[in-house]
Amino acid sequence: MKMKKLIACCGLDCELCDAYIATIKNDDALREQIAEKWRTQYGVDEITAEMINCTGCRLEGAKIGHCTECEIRICVQKKGYGTCAECAEIETCPKVGSIHKVVPEARKNLVGA
């Protein structure tokens, strides 16, 4: 089975991400709604609509702030992998494990159902 390009390094589905959707639709009203939601959800007043731009974790182009700094993405790139699925440490890695604990679908995206 070939993995979709919009599956992030950790297994999250970028196509379902609000920032990706707003970017692809070039929807400024949606960007403002997302910024407001994330300001409340994450308690970060500095999130602005202008920051809501991302073309996906593993594709060229804009990245939302935390994606450029994501230690999982950085680790995968340093090791020369496409995703965490290629890493022998996936079962014991605390970085990706913390994502998979909260979003089990991400793990399924990497290793199959």
PDB file of N, CA and C in Angstrom:
ATOM      1  N   MET A   1       0.845  -1.183   0.000  1.00  0.00           N
ATOM      2  CA  MET A   1       0.000   0.000   0.000  1.00  0.00           C
ATOM      3  C   MET A   1       0.887   1.242   0.000  1.00  0.00           C
ATOM      4  N   LYS A   2       0.666   2.140  -0.930  1.00  0.00           N
ATOM      5  CA  LYS A   2       1.446   3.374  -1.013  1.00  0.00           C
ATOM      6  C   LYS A   2       0.843   4.426  -0.085  1.00  0.00           C
ATOM      7  N   MET A   3       1.700   5.064   0.716  1.00  0.00           N
ATOM      8  CA  MET A   3       1.239   6.077   1.657  1.00  0.00           C
ATOM      9  C   MET A   3       0.920   7.380   0.933  1.00  0.00           C
ATOM     10  N   LYS A   4      -0.159   8.022   1.369  1.00  0.00           N
ATOM     11  CA  LYS A   4      -0.507   9.334   0.835  1.00  0.00           C
ATOM     12  C   LYS A   4       0.600  10.325   1.184  1.00  0.00           C
ATOM     13  N   LYS A   5       0.856  11.274   0.294  1.00  0.00           N
ATOM     14  CA  LYS A   5       1.894  12.269   0.553  1.00  0.00           C
ATOM     15  C   LYS A   5       1.511  13.201   1.687  1.00  0.00           C
ATOM     16  N   LEU A   6       0.242  13.336   1.980  1.00  0.00           N
ATOM     17  CA  LEU A   6      -0.173  14.299   2.995  1.00  0.00           C
ATOM     18  C   LEU A   6      -0.284  13.683   4.388  1.00  0.00           C
ATOM     19  N   ILE A   7       0.294  12.522   4.562  1.00  0.00           N
ATOM     20  CA  ILE A   7       0.431  11.964   5.905  1.00  0.00           C
ATOM     21  C   ILE A   7       1.724  12.542   6.478  1.00  0.00           C
ATOM     22  N   ALA A   8       1.622  13.150   7.631  1.00  0.00           N
ATOM     23  CA  ALA A   8       2.785  13.771   8.274  1.00  0.00           C
ATOM     24  C   ALA A   8       3.789  12.716   8.723  1.00  0.00           C
ATOM     25  N   CYS A   9       4.957  13.150   9.094  1.00  0.00           N
ATOM     26  CA  CYS A   9       6.006  12.249   9.566  1.00  0.00           C
ATOM     27  C   CYS A   9       5.519  11.353  10.695  1.00  0.00           C
ATOM     28  N   CYS A  10       4.688  11.898  11.569  1.00  0.00           N
ATOM     29  CA  CYS A  10       4.185  11.178  12.733  1.00  0.00           C
ATOM     30  C   CYS A  10       2.952  10.326  12.419  1.00  0.00           C
ATOM     31  N   GLY A  11       2.351  10.558  11.255  1.00  0.00           N
ATOM     32  CA  GLY A  11       1.162   9.809  10.878  1.00  0.00           C
ATOM     33  C   GLY A  11      -0.115  10.624  10.855  1.00  0.00           C
ATOM     34  N   LEU A  12      -0.086  11.846  11.385  1.00  0.00           N
ATOM     35  CA  LEU A  12      -1.278  12.693  11.308  1.00  0.00           C
ATOM     36  C   LEU A  12      -1.627  12.945   9.847  1.00  0.00           C
ATOM     37  N   ASP A  13      -2.906  13.068   9.560  1.00  0.00           N
ATOM     38  CA  ASP A  13      -3.369  13.297   8.194  1.00  0.00           C
ATOM     39  C   ASP A  13      -3.475  14.801   7.952  1.00  0.00           C
ATOM     40  N   CYS A  14      -2.533  15.352   7.200  1.00  0.00           N
ATOM     41  CA  CYS A  14      -2.505  16.793   6.931  1.00  0.00           C
ATOM     42  C   CYS A  14      -3.772  17.266   6.220  1.00  0.00           C
ATOM     43  N   GLU A  15      -4.388  16.395   5.424  1.00  0.00           N
ATOM     44  CA  GLU A  15      -5.601  16.791   4.706  1.00  0.00           C
ATOM     45  C   GLU A  15      -6.743  17.139   5.654  1.00  0.00           C
ATOM     46  N   LEU A  16      -6.673  16.681   6.902  1.00  0.00           N
ATOM     47  CA  LEU A  16      -7.707  16.959   7.894  1.00  0.00           C
ATOM     48  C   LEU A  16      -7.382  18.171   8.767  1.00  0.00           C
ATOM     49  N   CYS A  17      -6.189  18.731   8.603  1.00  0.00           N
ATOM     50  CA  CYS A  17      -5.738  19.854   9.424  1.00  0.00           C
ATOM     51  C   CYS A  17      -6.403  21.153   8.965  1.00  0.00           C
ATOM     52  N   ASP A  18      -6.922  21.901   9.927  1.00  0.00           N
ATOM     53  CA  ASP A  18      -7.574  23.175   9.632  1.00  0.00           C
ATOM     54  C   ASP A  18      -6.658  24.130   8.868  1.00  0.00           C
ATOM     55  N   ALA A  19      -5.394  24.196   9.246  1.00  0.00           N
ATOM     56  CA  ALA A  19      -4.463  25.115   8.587  1.00  0.00           C
ATOM     57  C   ALA A  19      -4.254  24.710   7.129  1.00  0.00           C
ATOM     58  N   TYR A  20      -4.132  23.427   6.870  1.00  0.00           N
ATOM     59  CA  TYR A  20      -3.974  22.943   5.494  1.00  0.00           C
ATOM     60  C   TYR A  20      -5.216  23.285   4.667  1.00  0.00           C
ATOM     61  N   ILE A  21      -6.378  23.029   5.215  1.00  0.00           N
ATOM     62  CA  ILE A  21      -7.637  23.286   4.508  1.00  0.00           C
ATOM     63  C   ILE A  21      -7.761  24.775   4.166  1.00  0.00           C
ATOM     64  N   ALA A  22      -7.482  25.638   5.129  1.00  0.00           N
ATOM     65  CA  ALA A  22      -7.568  27.086   4.881  1.00  0.00           C
ATOM     66  C   ALA A  22      -6.560  27.528   3.828  1.00  0.00           C
ATOM     67  N   THR A  23      -5.378  26.932   3.844  1.00  0.00           N
ATOM     68  CA  THR A  23      -4.341  27.283   2.877  1.00  0.00           C
ATOM     69  C   THR A  23      -4.757  26.861   1.470  1.00  0.00           C
ATOM     70  N   ILE A  24      -5.210  25.639   1.326  1.00  0.00           N
ATOM     71  CA  ILE A  24      -5.592  25.122   0.016  1.00  0.00           C
ATOM     72  C   ILE A  24      -6.782  25.899  -0.550  1.00  0.00           C
ATOM     73  N   LYS A  25      -7.711  26.264   0.323  1.00  0.00           N
ATOM     74  CA  LYS A  25      -8.884  27.031  -0.127  1.00  0.00           C
ATOM     75  C   LYS A  25      -8.585  28.524  -0.256  1.00  0.00           C
ATOM     76  N   ASN A  26      -7.430  28.952   0.263  1.00  0.00           N
ATOM     77  CA  ASN A  26      -7.059  30.368   0.334  1.00  0.00           C
ATOM     78  C   ASN A  26      -8.207  31.181   0.930  1.00  0.00           C
ATOM     79  N   ASP A  27      -8.673  30.719   2.088  1.00  0.00           N
ATOM     80  CA  ASP A  27      -9.875  31.251   2.737  1.00  0.00           C
ATOM     81  C   ASP A  27      -9.486  32.063   3.975  1.00  0.00           C
ATOM     82  N   ASP A  28      -9.468  33.394   3.818  1.00  0.00           N
ATOM     83  CA  ASP A  28      -9.068  34.259   4.929  1.00  0.00           C
ATOM     84  C   ASP A  28     -10.052  34.237   6.084  1.00  0.00           C
ATOM     85  N   ALA A  29     -11.339  34.082   5.800  1.00  0.00           N
ATOM     86  CA  ALA A  29     -12.336  34.004   6.881  1.00  0.00           C
ATOM     87  C   ALA A  29     -12.102  32.739   7.704  1.00  0.00           C
ATOM     88  N   LEU A  30     -11.799  31.641   7.041  1.00  0.00           N
ATOM     89  CA  LEU A  30     -11.501  30.391   7.743  1.00  0.00           C
ATOM     90  C   LEU A  30     -10.217  30.525   8.546  1.00  0.00           C
ATOM     91  N   ARG A  31      -9.215  31.207   7.992  1.00  0.00           N
ATOM     92  CA  ARG A  31      -7.969  31.438   8.738  1.00  0.00           C
ATOM     93  C   ARG A  31      -8.259  32.188  10.042  1.00  0.00           C
ATOM     94  N   GLU A  32      -9.110  33.199   9.981  1.00  0.00           N
ATOM     95  CA  GLU A  32      -9.444  33.970  11.184  1.00  0.00           C
ATOM     96  C   GLU A  32     -10.178  33.098  12.199  1.00  0.00           C
ATOM     97  N   GLN A  33     -11.103  32.265  11.732  1.00  0.00           N
ATOM     98  CA  GLN A  33     -11.826  31.352  12.629  1.00  0.00           C
ATOM     99  C   GLN A  33     -10.864  30.382  13.307  1.00  0.00           C
ATOM    100  N   ILE A  34      -9.926  29.853  12.539  1.00  0.00           N
ATOM    101  CA  ILE A  34      -8.948  28.902  13.083  1.00  0.00           C
ATOM    102  C   ILE A  34      -8.045  29.602  14.087  1.00  0.00           C
ATOM    103  N   ALA A  35      -7.578  30.788  13.758  1.00  0.00           N
ATOM    104  CA  ALA A  35      -6.712  31.540  14.677  1.00  0.00           C
ATOM    105  C   ALA A  35      -7.427  31.774  16.000  1.00  0.00           C
ATOM    106  N   GLU A  36      -8.694  32.174  15.944  1.00  0.00           N
ATOM    107  CA  GLU A  36      -9.471  32.405  17.166  1.00  0.00           C
ATOM    108  C   GLU A  36      -9.624  31.107  17.956  1.00  0.00           C
ATOM    109  N   LYS A  37      -9.950  30.038  17.261  1.00  0.00           N
ATOM    110  CA  LYS A  37     -10.103  28.725  17.913  1.00  0.00           C
ATOM    111  C   LYS A  37      -8.802  28.304  18.593  1.00  0.00           C
ATOM    112  N   TRP A  38      -7.685  28.420  17.880  1.00  0.00           N
ATOM    113  CA  TRP A  38      -6.404  27.998  18.425  1.00  0.00           C
ATOM    114  C   TRP A  38      -5.933  28.917  19.537  1.00  0.00           C
ATOM    115  N   ARG A  39      -6.218  30.226  19.452  1.00  0.00           N
ATOM    116  CA  ARG A  39      -5.853  31.134  20.551  1.00  0.00           C
ATOM    117  C   ARG A  39      -6.523  30.665  21.842  1.00  0.00           C
ATOM    118  N   THR A  40      -7.789  30.315  21.733  1.00  0.00           N
ATOM    119  CA  THR A  40      -8.547  29.837  22.900  1.00  0.00           C
ATOM    120  C   THR A  40      -8.078  28.454  23.328  1.00  0.00           C
ATOM    121  N   GLN A  41      -8.004  27.530  22.362  1.00  0.00           N
ATOM    122  CA  GLN A  41      -7.659  26.136  22.650  1.00  0.00           C
ATOM    123  C   GLN A  41      -6.268  25.996  23.263  1.00  0.00           C
ATOM    124  N   TYR A  42      -5.301  26.742  22.750  1.00  0.00           N
ATOM    125  CA  TYR A  42      -3.920  26.593  23.196  1.00  0.00           C
ATOM    126  C   TYR A  42      -3.469  27.696  24.139  1.00  0.00           C
ATOM    127  N   GLY A  43      -4.341  28.701  24.380  1.00  0.00           N
ATOM    128  CA  GLY A  43      -4.000  29.779  25.291  1.00  0.00           C
ATOM    129  C   GLY A  43      -2.834  30.628  24.800  1.00  0.00           C
ATOM    130  N   VAL A  44      -2.751  30.822  23.484  1.00  0.00           N
ATOM    131  CA  VAL A  44      -1.658  31.586  22.889  1.00  0.00           C
ATOM    132  C   VAL A  44      -2.267  32.767  22.141  1.00  0.00           C
ATOM    133  N   ASP A  45      -2.167  33.942  22.739  1.00  0.00           N
ATOM    134  CA  ASP A  45      -2.770  35.147  22.159  1.00  0.00           C
ATOM    135  C   ASP A  45      -2.110  35.597  20.858  1.00  0.00           C
ATOM    136  N   GLU A  46      -0.870  35.154  20.597  1.00  0.00           N
ATOM    137  CA  GLU A  46      -0.119  35.631  19.448  1.00  0.00           C
ATOM    138  C   GLU A  46      -0.495  34.958  18.132  1.00  0.00           C
ATOM    139  N   ILE A  47      -1.379  33.982  18.138  1.00  0.00           N
ATOM    140  CA  ILE A  47      -1.768  33.304  16.898  1.00  0.00           C
ATOM    141  C   ILE A  47      -2.658  34.235  16.082  1.00  0.00           C
ATOM    142  N   THR A  48      -2.224  34.497  14.844  1.00  0.00           N
ATOM    143  CA  THR A  48      -2.980  35.383  13.962  1.00  0.00           C
ATOM    144  C   THR A  48      -3.419  34.627  12.713  1.00  0.00           C
ATOM    145  N   ALA A  49      -4.396  35.176  12.027  1.00  0.00           N
ATOM    146  CA  ALA A  49      -4.873  34.578  10.780  1.00  0.00           C
ATOM    147  C   ALA A  49      -3.747  34.478   9.751  1.00  0.00           C
ATOM    148  N   GLU A  50      -2.843  35.449   9.759  1.00  0.00           N
ATOM    149  CA  GLU A  50      -1.736  35.454   8.810  1.00  0.00           C
ATOM    150  C   GLU A  50      -0.789  34.278   9.023  1.00  0.00           C
ATOM    151  N   MET A  51      -0.803  33.707  10.213  1.00  0.00           N
ATOM    152  CA  MET A  51       0.058  32.568  10.526  1.00  0.00           C
ATOM    153  C   MET A  51      -0.526  31.247  10.027  1.00  0.00           C
ATOM    154  N   ILE A  52      -1.779  31.242   9.659  1.00  0.00           N
ATOM    155  CA  ILE A  52      -2.463  30.007   9.279  1.00  0.00           C
ATOM    156  C   ILE A  52      -2.201  29.716   7.808  1.00  0.00           C
ATOM    157  N   ASN A  53      -1.052  29.125   7.545  1.00  0.00           N
ATOM    158  CA  ASN A  53      -0.633  28.731   6.201  1.00  0.00           C
ATOM    159  C   ASN A  53       0.221  27.479   6.312  1.00  0.00           C
ATOM    160  N   CYS A  54      -0.221  26.396   5.679  1.00  0.00           N
ATOM    161  CA  CYS A  54       0.559  25.160   5.702  1.00  0.00           C
ATOM    162  C   CYS A  54       0.161  24.295   4.514  1.00  0.00           C
ATOM    163  N   THR A  55       1.173  23.794   3.805  1.00  0.00           N
ATOM    164  CA  THR A  55       0.932  22.936   2.650  1.00  0.00           C
ATOM    165  C   THR A  55       1.121  21.458   2.968  1.00  0.00           C
ATOM    166  N   GLY A  56       1.361  21.141   4.228  1.00  0.00           N
ATOM    167  CA  GLY A  56       1.545  19.747   4.634  1.00  0.00           C
ATOM    168  C   GLY A  56       2.957  19.496   5.117  1.00  0.00           C
ATOM    169  N   CYS A  57       3.082  18.595   6.034  1.00  0.00           N
ATOM    170  CA  CYS A  57       4.348  18.306   6.714  1.00  0.00           C
ATOM    171  C   CYS A  57       5.468  17.904   5.762  1.00  0.00           C
ATOM    172  N   ARG A  58       5.181  17.021   4.832  1.00  0.00           N
ATOM    173  CA  ARG A  58       6.248  16.444   4.019  1.00  0.00           C
ATOM    174  C   ARG A  58       6.356  17.038   2.617  1.00  0.00           C
ATOM    175  N   LEU A  59       5.561  18.055   2.324  1.00  0.00           N
ATOM    176  CA  LEU A  59       5.615  18.695   1.016  1.00  0.00           C
ATOM    177  C   LEU A  59       6.316  20.042   1.116  1.00  0.00           C
ATOM    178  N   GLU A  60       6.858  20.507   0.004  1.00  0.00           N
ATOM    179  CA  GLU A  60       7.476  21.824  -0.042  1.00  0.00           C
ATOM    180  C   GLU A  60       6.402  22.887   0.184  1.00  0.00           C
ATOM    181  N   GLY A  61       6.813  24.016   0.706  1.00  0.00           N
ATOM    182  CA  GLY A  61       5.892  25.129   0.873  1.00  0.00           C
ATOM    183  C   GLY A  61       5.755  25.555   2.315  1.00  0.00           C
ATOM    184  N   ALA A  62       4.759  26.384   2.554  1.00  0.00           N
ATOM    185  CA  ALA A  62       4.536  26.987   3.873  1.00  0.00           C
ATOM    186  C   ALA A  62       4.258  25.923   4.929  1.00  0.00           C
ATOM    187  N   LYS A  63       4.707  26.214   6.145  1.00  0.00           N
ATOM    188  CA  LYS A  63       4.439  25.360   7.311  1.00  0.00           C
ATOM    189  C   LYS A  63       3.917  26.244   8.429  1.00  0.00           C
ATOM    190  N   ILE A  64       2.933  25.751   9.137  1.00  0.00           N
ATOM    191  CA  ILE A  64       2.432  26.439  10.322  1.00  0.00           C
ATOM    192  C   ILE A  64       3.571  26.411  11.354  1.00  0.00           C
ATOM    193  N   GLY A  65       3.667  27.401  12.199  1.00  0.00           N
ATOM    194  CA  GLY A  65       4.775  27.556  13.136  1.00  0.00           C
ATOM    195  C   GLY A  65       5.273  26.300  13.807  1.00  0.00           C
ATOM    196  N   HIS A  66       4.381  25.566  14.481  1.00  0.00           N
ATOM    197  CA  HIS A  66       4.853  24.403  15.234  1.00  0.00           C
ATOM    198  C   HIS A  66       5.352  23.288  14.322  1.00  0.00           C
ATOM    199  N   CYS A  67       4.916  23.241  13.078  1.00  0.00           N
ATOM    200  CA  CYS A  67       5.374  22.200  12.154  1.00  0.00           C
ATOM    201  C   CYS A  67       6.838  22.406  11.761  1.00  0.00           C
ATOM    202  N   THR A  68       7.272  23.653  11.636  1.00  0.00           N
ATOM    203  CA  THR A  68       8.667  23.904  11.281  1.00  0.00           C
ATOM    204  C   THR A  68       9.589  23.521  12.432  1.00  0.00           C
ATOM    205  N   GLU A  69       9.064  23.569  13.653  1.00  0.00           N
ATOM    206  CA  GLU A  69       9.861  23.280  14.841  1.00  0.00           C
ATOM    207  C   GLU A  69       9.601  21.884  15.401  1.00  0.00           C
ATOM    208  N   CYS A  70       8.749  21.108  14.762  1.00  0.00           N
ATOM    209  CA  CYS A  70       8.346  19.803  15.280  1.00  0.00           C
ATOM    210  C   CYS A  70       9.545  18.868  15.415  1.00  0.00           C
ATOM    211  N   GLU A  71       9.791  18.386  16.631  1.00  0.00           N
ATOM    212  CA  GLU A  71      10.956  17.537  16.852  1.00  0.00           C
ATOM    213  C   GLU A  71      10.812  16.185  16.159  1.00  0.00           C
ATOM    214  N   ILE A  72       9.590  15.733  15.927  1.00  0.00           N
ATOM    215  CA  ILE A  72       9.393  14.482  15.192  1.00  0.00           C
ATOM    216  C   ILE A  72       9.799  14.680  13.734  1.00  0.00           C
ATOM    217  N   ARG A  73       9.318  15.737  13.127  1.00  0.00           N
ATOM    218  CA  ARG A  73       9.646  16.048  11.728  1.00  0.00           C
ATOM    219  C   ARG A  73      11.151  16.240  11.568  1.00  0.00           C
ATOM    220  N   ILE A  74      11.771  16.965  12.482  1.00  0.00           N
ATOM    221  CA  ILE A  74      13.215  17.203  12.439  1.00  0.00           C
ATOM    222  C   ILE A  74      13.975  15.883  12.553  1.00  0.00           C
ATOM    223  N   CYS A  75      13.530  15.011  13.453  1.00  0.00           N
ATOM    224  CA  CYS A  75      14.169  13.707  13.648  1.00  0.00           C
ATOM    225  C   CYS A  75      14.079  12.867  12.377  1.00  0.00           C
ATOM    226  N   VAL A  76      12.884  12.797  11.789  1.00  0.00           N
ATOM    227  CA  VAL A  76      12.682  12.019  10.558  1.00  0.00           C
ATOM    228  C   VAL A  76      13.593  12.546   9.445  1.00  0.00           C
ATOM    229  N   GLN A  77      13.665  13.864   9.301  1.00  0.00           N
ATOM    230  CA  GLN A  77      14.504  14.447   8.258  1.00  0.00           C
ATOM    231  C   GLN A  77      15.984  14.151   8.500  1.00  0.00           C
ATOM    232  N   LYS A  78      16.427  14.257   9.763  1.00  0.00           N
ATOM    233  CA  LYS A  78      17.834  13.980  10.084  1.00  0.00           C
ATOM    234  C   LYS A  78      18.209  12.542   9.753  1.00  0.00           C
ATOM    235  N   LYS A  79      17.265  11.628   9.978  1.00  0.00           N
ATOM    236  CA  LYS A  79      17.530  10.210   9.709  1.00  0.00           C
ATOM    237  C   LYS A  79      17.342   9.852   8.237  1.00  0.00           C
ATOM    238  N   GLY A  80      16.833  10.786   7.444  1.00  0.00           N
ATOM    239  CA  GLY A  80      16.650  10.544   6.030  1.00  0.00           C
ATOM    240  C   GLY A  80      15.431   9.692   5.698  1.00  0.00           C
ATOM    241  N   TYR A  81      14.471   9.655   6.606  1.00  0.00           N
ATOM    242  CA  TYR A  81      13.259   8.864   6.401  1.00  0.00           C
ATOM    243  C   TYR A  81      12.152   9.734   5.813  1.00  0.00           C
ATOM    244  N   GLY A  82      11.099   9.074   5.335  1.00  0.00           N
ATOM    245  CA  GLY A  82       9.902   9.777   4.903  1.00  0.00           C
ATOM    246  C   GLY A  82       8.954   9.994   6.071  1.00  0.00           C
ATOM    247  N   THR A  83       8.840   8.964   6.918  1.00  0.00           N
ATOM    248  CA  THR A  83       7.986   9.026   8.107  1.00  0.00           C
ATOM    249  C   THR A  83       8.610   8.186   9.219  1.00  0.00           C
ATOM    250  N   CYS A  84       7.991   8.233  10.366  1.00  0.00           N
ATOM    251  CA  CYS A  84       8.435   7.421  11.507  1.00  0.00           C
ATOM    252  C   CYS A  84       8.271   5.922  11.247  1.00  0.00           C
ATOM    253  N   ALA A  85       7.448   5.549  10.278  1.00  0.00           N
ATOM    254  CA  ALA A  85       7.230   4.137   9.970  1.00  0.00           C
ATOM    255  C   ALA A  85       8.523   3.442   9.559  1.00  0.00           C
ATOM    256  N   GLU A  86       9.478   4.189   9.036  1.00  0.00           N
ATOM    257  CA  GLU A  86      10.740   3.619   8.581  1.00  0.00           C
ATOM    258  C   GLU A  86      11.737   3.406   9.720  1.00  0.00           C
ATOM    259  N   CYS A  87      11.425   3.926  10.892  1.00  0.00           N
ATOM    260  CA  CYS A  87      12.363   3.897  12.019  1.00  0.00           C
ATOM    261  C   CYS A  87      12.149   2.652  12.882  1.00  0.00           C
ATOM    262  N   ALA A  88      13.241   1.988  13.204  1.00  0.00           N
ATOM    263  CA  ALA A  88      13.183   0.792  14.049  1.00  0.00           C
ATOM    264  C   ALA A  88      12.733   1.122  15.471  1.00  0.00           C
ATOM    265  N   GLU A  89      12.821   2.398  15.864  1.00  0.00           N
ATOM    266  CA  GLU A  89      12.471   2.803  17.219  1.00  0.00           C
ATOM    267  C   GLU A  89      11.017   3.246  17.369  1.00  0.00           C
ATOM    268  N   ILE A  90      10.202   3.085  16.345  1.00  0.00           N
ATOM    269  CA  ILE A  90       8.827   3.595  16.382  1.00  0.00           C
ATOM    270  C   ILE A  90       8.032   3.047  17.572  1.00  0.00           C
ATOM    271  N   GLU A  91       8.263   1.811  17.949  1.00  0.00           N
ATOM    272  CA  GLU A  91       7.501   1.192  19.039  1.00  0.00           C
ATOM    273  C   GLU A  91       7.826   1.784  20.407  1.00  0.00           C
ATOM    274  N   THR A  92       9.039   2.283  20.567  1.00  0.00           N
ATOM    275  CA  THR A  92       9.479   2.769  21.878  1.00  0.00           C
ATOM    276  C   THR A  92       9.752   4.269  21.921  1.00  0.00           C
ATOM    277  N   CYS A  93       9.588   4.953  20.808  1.00  0.00           N
ATOM    278  CA  CYS A  93       9.908   6.383  20.742  1.00  0.00           C
ATOM    279  C   CYS A  93       8.883   7.205  21.537  1.00  0.00           C
ATOM    280  N   PRO A  94       9.345   7.948  22.547  1.00  0.00           N
ATOM    281  CA  PRO A  94       8.415   8.765  23.328  1.00  0.00           C
ATOM    282  C   PRO A  94       7.861   9.955  22.544  1.00  0.00           C
ATOM    283  N   LYS A  95       8.625  10.445  21.555  1.00  0.00           N
ATOM    284  CA  LYS A  95       8.159  11.599  20.778  1.00  0.00           C
ATOM    285  C   LYS A  95       6.909  11.234  19.985  1.00  0.00           C
ATOM    286  N   VAL A  96       7.025  10.245  19.130  1.00  0.00           N
ATOM    287  CA  VAL A  96       5.876   9.876  18.296  1.00  0.00           C
ATOM    288  C   VAL A  96       4.832   9.137  19.125  1.00  0.00           C
ATOM    289  N   GLY A  97       5.264   8.462  20.161  1.00  0.00           N
ATOM    290  CA  GLY A  97       4.330   7.754  21.043  1.00  0.00           C
ATOM    291  C   GLY A  97       3.341   8.700  21.702  1.00  0.00           C
ATOM    292  N   SER A  98       3.785   9.910  22.021  1.00  0.00           N
ATOM    293  CA  SER A  98       2.884  10.876  22.649  1.00  0.00           C
ATOM    294  C   SER A  98       1.774  11.297  21.684  1.00  0.00           C
ATOM    295  N   ILE A  99       2.070  11.362  20.395  1.00  0.00           N
ATOM    296  CA  ILE A  99       1.053  11.672  19.379  1.00  0.00           C
ATOM    297  C   ILE A  99       0.110  10.480  19.227  1.00  0.00           C
ATOM    298  N   HIS A 100       0.667   9.303  19.124  1.00  0.00           N
ATOM    299  CA  HIS A 100      -0.143   8.107  18.897  1.00  0.00           C
ATOM    300  C   HIS A 100      -1.057   7.789  20.074  1.00  0.00           C
ATOM    301  N   LYS A 101      -0.654   8.184  21.260  1.00  0.00           N
ATOM    302  CA  LYS A 101      -1.497   7.976  22.433  1.00  0.00           C
ATOM    303  C   LYS A 101      -2.770   8.825  22.335  1.00  0.00           C
ATOM    304  N   VAL A 102      -2.620  10.052  21.847  1.00  0.00           N
ATOM    305  CA  VAL A 102      -3.740  10.992  21.741  1.00  0.00           C
ATOM    306  C   VAL A 102      -4.535  10.786  20.449  1.00  0.00           C
ATOM    307  N   VAL A 103      -3.836  10.436  19.370  1.00  0.00           N
ATOM    308  CA  VAL A 103      -4.476  10.260  18.063  1.00  0.00           C
ATOM    309  C   VAL A 103      -4.069   8.889  17.501  1.00  0.00           C
ATOM    310  N   PRO A 104      -4.744   7.824  17.934  1.00  0.00           N
ATOM    311  CA  PRO A 104      -4.365   6.480  17.481  1.00  0.00           C
ATOM    312  C   PRO A 104      -4.454   6.295  15.962  1.00  0.00           C
ATOM    313  N   GLU A 105      -5.288   7.091  15.303  1.00  0.00           N
ATOM    314  CA  GLU A 105      -5.400   6.990  13.845  1.00  0.00           C
ATOM    315  C   GLU A 105      -4.066   7.316  13.177  1.00  0.00           C
ATOM    316  N   ALA A 106      -3.262   8.172  13.803  1.00  0.00           N
ATOM    317  CA  ALA A 106      -1.963   8.531  13.236  1.00  0.00           C
ATOM    318  C   ALA A 106      -1.070   7.296  13.131  1.00  0.00           C
ATOM    319  N   ARG A 107      -1.086   6.477  14.137  1.00  0.00           N
ATOM    320  CA  ARG A 107      -0.296   5.247  14.096  1.00  0.00           C
ATOM    321  C   ARG A 107      -0.798   4.328  12.989  1.00  0.00           C
ATOM    322  N   LYS A 108      -2.110   4.221  12.868  1.00  0.00           N
ATOM    323  CA  LYS A 108      -2.690   3.384  11.818  1.00  0.00           C
ATOM    324  C   LYS A 108      -2.292   3.887  10.433  1.00  0.00           C
ATOM    325  N   ASN A 109      -2.202   5.203  10.282  1.00  0.00           N
ATOM    326  CA  ASN A 109      -1.792   5.769   9.000  1.00  0.00           C
ATOM    327  C   ASN A 109      -0.381   5.350   8.624  1.00  0.00           C
ATOM    328  N   LEU A 110       0.462   5.097   9.638  1.00  0.00           N
ATOM    329  CA  LEU A 110       1.851   4.723   9.388  1.00  0.00           C
ATOM    330  C   LEU A 110       2.034   3.227   9.205  1.00  0.00           C
ATOM    331  N   VAL A 111       1.384   2.429  10.025  1.00  0.00           N
ATOM    332  CA  VAL A 111       1.665   0.995  10.027  1.00  0.00           C
ATOM    333  C   VAL A 111       0.499   0.143   9.542  1.00  0.00           C
ATOM    334  N   GLY A 112      -0.587   0.758   9.136  1.00  0.00           N
ATOM    335  CA  GLY A 112      -1.755   0.008   8.662  1.00  0.00           C
ATOM    336  C   GLY A 112      -2.684  -0.334   9.805  1.00  0.00           C
ATOM    337  N   ALA A 113      -3.891  -0.716   9.447  1.00  0.00           N
ATOM    338  CA  ALA A 113      -4.936  -0.982  10.447  1.00  0.00           C
ATOM    339  C   ALA A 113      -4.678  -2.242  11.230  1.00  0.00           C
TER     340      ALA A 113
END
